[in-house]
C-alpha atoms as a PDB file:
ATOM      1  CA  UNK A   1      89.479 103.139  24.190  1.00  0.00           C
ATOM      2  CA  UNK A   2      92.817 103.866  22.606  1.00  0.00           C
ATOM      3  CA  UNK A   3      95.984 103.294  24.934  1.00  0.00           C
ATOM      4  CA  UNK A   4      97.865 106.211  23.837  1.00  0.00           C
ATOM      5  CA  UNK A   5      97.617 109.222  26.085  1.00  0.00           C
ATOM      6  CA  UNK A   6      97.966 107.692  29.516  1.00  0.00           C
ATOM      7  CA  UNK A   7     101.036 105.860  30.877  1.00  0.00           C
ATOM      8  CA  UNK A   8     101.793 103.752  33.949  1.00  0.00           C
ATOM      9  CA  UNK A   9     105.535 104.184  34.804  1.00  0.00           C
ATOM     10  CA  UNK A  10     107.302 101.584  36.949  1.00  0.00           C
ATOM     11  CA  UNK A  11     110.706 101.796  38.403  1.00  0.00           C
ATOM     12  CA  UNK A  12     112.159  98.751  39.490  1.00  0.00           C
ATOM     13  CA  UNK A  13     114.740  98.431  42.665  1.00  0.00           C
ATOM     14  CA  UNK A  14     117.483  97.801  40.025  1.00  0.00           C
ATOM     15  CA  UNK A  15     116.581 101.200  38.375  1.00  0.00           C
ATOM     16  CA  UNK A  16     115.094  99.783  35.374  1.00  0.00           C
ATOM     17  CA  UNK A  17     112.116 101.951  34.062  1.00  0.00           C
ATOM     18  CA  UNK A  18     109.220 100.555  32.257  1.00  0.00           C
ATOM     19  CA  UNK A  19     106.115 102.196  30.637  1.00  0.00           C
ATOM     20  CA  UNK A  20     102.879 100.761  30.067  1.00  0.00           C
ATOM     21  CA  UNK A  21      99.936 102.431  28.057  1.00  0.00           C
ATOM     22  CA  UNK A  22      96.576 102.715  29.643  1.00  0.00           C
ATOM     23  CA  UNK A  23      93.313 103.767  28.484  1.00  0.00           C
ATOM     24  CA  UNK A  24      91.466 106.914  29.790  1.00  0.00           C
ATOM     25  CA  UNK A  25      89.111 104.576  31.712  1.00  0.00           C
ATOM     26  CA  UNK A  26      91.985 102.533  33.324  1.00  0.00           C
ATOM     27  CA  UNK A  27      93.773 105.778  34.091  1.00  0.00           C
ATOM     28  CA  UNK A  28      90.927 107.522  35.597  1.00  0.00           C
ATOM     29  CA  UNK A  29      89.499 104.707  37.847  1.00  0.00           C
ATOM     30  CA  UNK A  30      92.841 102.713  38.199  1.00  0.00           C
ATOM     31  CA  UNK A  31      91.138  99.716  36.543  1.00  0.00           C
ATOM     32  CA  UNK A  32      94.488  97.882  35.946  1.00  0.00           C
ATOM     33  CA  UNK A  33      94.697  96.177  39.505  1.00  0.00           C
ATOM     34  CA  UNK A  34      98.084  95.200  40.572  1.00  0.00           C
ATOM     35  CA  UNK A  35      99.100  93.349  37.336  1.00  0.00           C
ATOM     36  CA  UNK A  36     101.874  95.796  36.625  1.00  0.00           C
ATOM     37  CA  UNK A  37     103.381  95.423  40.271  1.00  0.00           C
ATOM     38  CA  UNK A  38     103.629  91.655  39.758  1.00  0.00           C
ATOM     39  CA  UNK A  39     105.230  91.586  36.383  1.00  0.00           C
ATOM     40  CA  UNK A  40     109.035  90.612  36.643  1.00  0.00           C
ATOM     41  CA  UNK A  41     111.471  93.239  35.635  1.00  0.00           C
ATOM     42  CA  UNK A  42     113.023  92.453  32.139  1.00  0.00           C
ATOM     43  CA  UNK A  43     116.344  93.562  33.368  1.00  0.00           C
ATOM     44  CA  UNK A  44     116.818  91.804  36.748  1.00  0.00           C
ATOM     45  CA  UNK A  45     113.636  89.539  37.050  1.00  0.00           C
ATOM     46  CA  UNK A  46     112.713  91.063  40.255  1.00  0.00           C
ATOM     47  CA  UNK A  47     109.210  92.113  41.309  1.00  0.00           C
ATOM     48  CA  UNK A  48     110.072  94.723  43.681  1.00  0.00           C
ATOM     49  CA  UNK A  49     109.461  98.336  42.649  1.00  0.00           C
ATOM     50  CA  UNK A  50     111.000 101.718  43.756  1.00  0.00           C
ATOM     51  CA  UNK A  51     107.843 103.549  42.384  1.00  0.00           C
ATOM     52  CA  UNK A  52     104.900 103.130  40.349  1.00  0.00           C
ATOM     53  CA  UNK A  53     103.074 106.052  38.901  1.00  0.00           C
ATOM     54  CA  UNK A  54     100.491 107.070  36.185  1.00  0.00           C
ATOM     55  CA  UNK A  55      98.820 110.157  34.792  1.00  0.00           C
ATOM     56  CA  UNK A  56      95.143 110.661  35.235  1.00  0.00           C
ATOM     57  CA  UNK A  57      92.817 112.355  32.767  1.00  0.00           C
ATOM     58  CA  UNK A  58      90.773 115.556  33.882  1.00  0.00           C
ATOM     59  CA  UNK A  59      87.348 114.647  35.091  1.00  0.00           C
ATOM     60  CA  UNK A  60      84.888 115.383  32.315  1.00  0.00           C
ATOM     61  CA  UNK A  61      81.154 114.617  31.480  1.00  0.00           C
ATOM     62  CA  UNK A  62      81.778 111.223  30.209  1.00  0.00           C
ATOM     63  CA  UNK A  63      83.990 110.085  33.114  1.00  0.00           C
ATOM     64  CA  UNK A  64      81.719 111.595  35.554  1.00  0.00           C
ATOM     65  CA  UNK A  65      78.800 109.724  34.264  1.00  0.00           C
ATOM     66  CA  UNK A  66      80.506 106.483  34.153  1.00  0.00           C
ATOM     67  CA  UNK A  67      81.716 107.102  37.862  1.00  0.00           C
ATOM     68  CA  UNK A  68      78.153 107.708  39.005  1.00  0.00           C
ATOM     69  CA  UNK A  69      77.074 104.629  37.337  1.00  0.00           C
ATOM     70  CA  UNK A  70      79.434 102.210  38.731  1.00  0.00           C
ATOM     71  CA  UNK A  71      79.575 101.697  42.566  1.00  0.00           C
ATOM     72  CA  UNK A  72      82.862 100.262  42.468  1.00  0.00           C
ATOM     73  CA  UNK A  73      84.596 103.051  40.356  1.00  0.00           C
ATOM     74  CA  UNK A  74      86.721 105.608  42.267  1.00  0.00           C
ATOM     75  CA  UNK A  75      88.635 108.398  41.055  1.00  0.00           C
ATOM     76  CA  UNK A  76      91.048 107.534  44.124  1.00  0.00           C
ATOM     77  CA  UNK A  77      90.959 105.275  46.811  1.00  0.00           C
ATOM     78  CA  UNK A  78      91.334 108.223  49.164  1.00  0.00           C
ATOM     79  CA  UNK A  79      90.371 111.872  48.667  1.00  0.00           C
ATOM     80  CA  UNK A  80      87.985 111.543  45.880  1.00  0.00           C
ATOM     81  CA  UNK A  81      86.240 114.529  47.012  1.00  0.00           C
ATOM     82  CA  UNK A  82      89.491 116.455  46.837  1.00  0.00           C
ATOM     83  CA  UNK A  83      89.867 115.294  43.373  1.00  0.00           C
ATOM     84  CA  UNK A  84      86.343 116.557  42.432  1.00  0.00           C
ATOM     85  CA  UNK A  85      86.700 119.756  44.293  1.00  0.00           C
ATOM     86  CA  UNK A  86      87.462 121.845  41.293  1.00  0.00           C
ATOM     87  CA  UNK A  87      85.539 124.869  39.789  1.00  0.00           C
ATOM     88  CA  UNK A  88      85.776 123.128  36.535  1.00  0.00           C
ATOM     89  CA  UNK A  89      83.493 120.289  38.025  1.00  0.00           C
ATOM     90  CA  UNK A  90      81.084 122.680  39.729  1.00  0.00           C
ATOM     91  CA  UNK A  91      78.088 122.355  37.314  1.00  0.00           C
ATOM     92  CA  UNK A  92      78.639 118.538  37.266  1.00  0.00           C
ATOM     93  CA  UNK A  93      78.646 118.383  40.952  1.00  0.00           C
ATOM     94  CA  UNK A  94      75.515 120.760  41.230  1.00  0.00           C
ATOM     95  CA  UNK A  95      73.598 118.696  38.834  1.00  0.00           C
ATOM     96  CA  UNK A  96      74.360 115.538  40.704  1.00  0.00           C
ATOM     97  CA  UNK A  97      73.336 117.063  43.962  1.00  0.00           C
ATOM     98  CA  UNK A  98      69.894 118.086  42.354  1.00  0.00           C
ATOM     99  CA  UNK A  99      69.369 114.723  40.795  1.00  0.00           C
ATOM    100  CA  UNK A 100      66.973 112.707  43.119  1.00  0.00           C
ATOM    101  CA  UNK A 101      68.239 109.496  41.169  1.00  0.00           C
ATOM    102  CA  UNK A 102      71.866 110.062  41.784  1.00  0.00           C
ATOM    103  CA  UNK A 103      73.288 107.102  43.882  1.00  0.00           C
ATOM    104  CA  UNK A 104      73.480 107.934  47.686  1.00  0.00           C
ATOM    105  CA  UNK A 105      77.031 106.751  48.068  1.00  0.00           C
ATOM    106  CA  UNK A 106      78.273 108.950  45.228  1.00  0.00           C
ATOM    107  CA  UNK A 107      76.116 111.777  46.419  1.00  0.00           C
ATOM    108  CA  UNK A 108      78.057 111.833  49.684  1.00  0.00           C
ATOM    109  CA  UNK A 109      81.299 112.388  47.643  1.00  0.00           C
ATOM    110  CA  UNK A 110      79.676 115.163  45.616  1.00  0.00           C
ATOM    111  CA  UNK A 111      78.509 116.857  48.965  1.00  0.00           C
ATOM    112  CA  UNK A 112      81.906 116.594  50.481  1.00  0.00           C
ATOM    113  CA  UNK A 113      83.412 117.860  47.071  1.00  0.00           C
ATOM    114  CA  UNK A 114      81.081 120.999  47.014  1.00  0.00           C
ATOM    115  CA  UNK A 115      81.817 121.618  50.707  1.00  0.00           C
ATOM    116  CA  UNK A 116      85.607 121.293  49.964  1.00  0.00           C
ATOM    117  CA  UNK A 117      85.416 123.664  47.196  1.00  0.00           C
ATOM    118  CA  UNK A 118      83.837 126.276  49.104  1.00  0.00           C
ATOM    119  CA  UNK A 119      86.183 125.707  52.051  1.00  0.00           C
ATOM    120  CA  UNK A 120      89.189 126.173  49.538  1.00  0.00           C
ATOM    121  CA  UNK A 121      87.891 129.424  48.565  1.00  0.00           C
ATOM    122  CA  UNK A 122      87.564 130.903  52.086  1.00  0.00           C
ATOM    123  CA  UNK A 123      90.239 133.194  53.389  1.00  0.00           C
ATOM    124  CA  UNK A 124      91.553 131.220  56.503  1.00  0.00           C
ATOM    125  CA  UNK A 125      92.985 133.225  59.215  1.00  0.00           C
ATOM    126  CA  UNK A 126      96.683 132.682  59.587  1.00  0.00           C
ATOM    127  CA  UNK A 127      97.167 131.805  55.891  1.00  0.00           C
ATOM    128  CA  UNK A 128      99.026 134.236  53.588  1.00  0.00           C
ATOM    129  CA  UNK A 129      97.632 134.698  50.074  1.00  0.00           C
ATOM    130  CA  UNK A 130      99.083 136.553  47.058  1.00  0.00           C
ATOM    131  CA  UNK A 131      96.681 139.314  45.662  1.00  0.00           C
ATOM    132  CA  UNK A 132      96.110 136.898  42.666  1.00  0.00           C
ATOM    133  CA  UNK A 133      95.085 134.205  45.021  1.00  0.00           C
ATOM    134  CA  UNK A 134      92.869 136.377  46.975  1.00  0.00           C
ATOM    135  CA  UNK A 135      90.883 137.779  43.770  1.00  0.00           C
ATOM    136  CA  UNK A 136      90.491 134.267  42.370  1.00  0.00           C
ATOM    137  CA  UNK A 137      89.263 133.020  45.773  1.00  0.00           C
ATOM    138  CA  UNK A 138      86.838 135.833  46.136  1.00  0.00           C
ATOM    139  CA  UNK A 139      85.515 135.280  42.674  1.00  0.00           C
ATOM    140  CA  UNK A 140      85.127 131.613  43.154  1.00  0.00           C
ATOM    141  CA  UNK A 141      83.387 131.982  46.560  1.00  0.00           C
ATOM    142  CA  UNK A 142      80.891 134.502  44.913  1.00  0.00           C
ATOM    143  CA  UNK A 143      80.001 131.703  42.499  1.00  0.00           C
ATOM    144  CA  UNK A 144      80.082 128.772  44.732  1.00  0.00           C
ATOM    145  CA  UNK A 145      78.472 130.096  47.908  1.00  0.00           C
ATOM    146  CA  UNK A 146      75.095 131.072  46.511  1.00  0.00           C
ATOM    147  CA  UNK A 147      74.792 127.686  44.799  1.00  0.00           C
ATOM    148  CA  UNK A 148      75.197 125.973  48.125  1.00  0.00           C
ATOM    149  CA  UNK A 149      73.162 128.226  50.039  1.00  0.00           C
ATOM    150  CA  UNK A 150      70.173 127.487  47.591  1.00  0.00           C
ATOM    151  CA  UNK A 151      70.866 123.707  48.222  1.00  0.00           C
ATOM    152  CA  UNK A 152      71.469 124.157  52.070  1.00  0.00           C
ATOM    153  CA  UNK A 153      68.854 121.541  52.839  1.00  0.00           C
ATOM    154  CA  UNK A 154      70.589 118.988  50.630  1.00  0.00           C
ATOM    155  CA  UNK A 155      73.845 119.535  52.170  1.00  0.00           C
ATOM    156  CA  UNK A 156      72.386 119.275  55.657  1.00  0.00           C
ATOM    157  CA  UNK A 157      71.170 116.060  54.865  1.00  0.00           C
ATOM    158  CA  UNK A 158      74.771 114.896  54.551  1.00  0.00           C
ATOM    159  CA  UNK A 159      76.289 116.967  57.189  1.00  0.00           C
ATOM    160  CA  UNK A 160      77.346 113.920  59.275  1.00  0.00           C
ATOM    161  CA  UNK A 161      79.728 112.833  56.321  1.00  0.00           C
ATOM    162  CA  UNK A 162      81.482 116.189  56.041  1.00  0.00           C
ATOM    163  CA  UNK A 163      84.889 116.502  57.664  1.00  0.00           C
ATOM    164  CA  UNK A 164      84.521 118.332  60.975  1.00  0.00           C
ATOM    165  CA  UNK A 165      87.191 120.981  60.146  1.00  0.00           C
ATOM    166  CA  UNK A 166      85.557 121.807  56.888  1.00  0.00           C
ATOM    167  CA  UNK A 167      82.185 121.968  58.344  1.00  0.00           C
ATOM    168  CA  UNK A 168      83.225 124.393  61.240  1.00  0.00           C
ATOM    169  CA  UNK A 169      84.484 126.637  58.539  1.00  0.00           C
ATOM    170  CA  UNK A 170      81.769 126.692  56.029  1.00  0.00           C
ATOM    171  CA  UNK A 171      78.557 126.256  58.194  1.00  0.00           C
ATOM    172  CA  UNK A 172      78.351 130.032  59.071  1.00  0.00           C
ATOM    173  CA  UNK A 173      78.260 130.887  55.406  1.00  0.00           C
ATOM    174  CA  UNK A 174      75.201 128.445  54.772  1.00  0.00           C
ATOM    175  CA  UNK A 175      73.213 130.024  57.452  1.00  0.00           C
END
């Protein structure tokens, strides 16, 4: 894969900024380890950084397939379900949930992403939403909810892995 669209930016304690090209896979799954953290700064020679950041690609069919086939690949060390919980990923998530051969450890992430997606589109009491947000949430809920209701049994199989605060809000909708 070409190294032209994704960059890791490292800012040294001395203020020097370096950019390193990443492939799509390196950026998607953080496949660069800590090699950039250990590289000495060309300006001061130090190895301590103020910050290190990198841009990540949108999840597509190719990346989702690679992720599903590689146990060690993660879109994020934490909150992987939050990264996947987007309307753009709904069909990928539903296909994965329906696939009996889909790896169990990844299916847990998929179920959590789907439940988070529904949760994110429920109007929560005490929250204020613009009219535009309300309409978008209502539209998304109308799409996500029936799909999850159809797959209620599959979701219930993984209920123990779903965050309690999310389950408490979405469970009544799945009945």
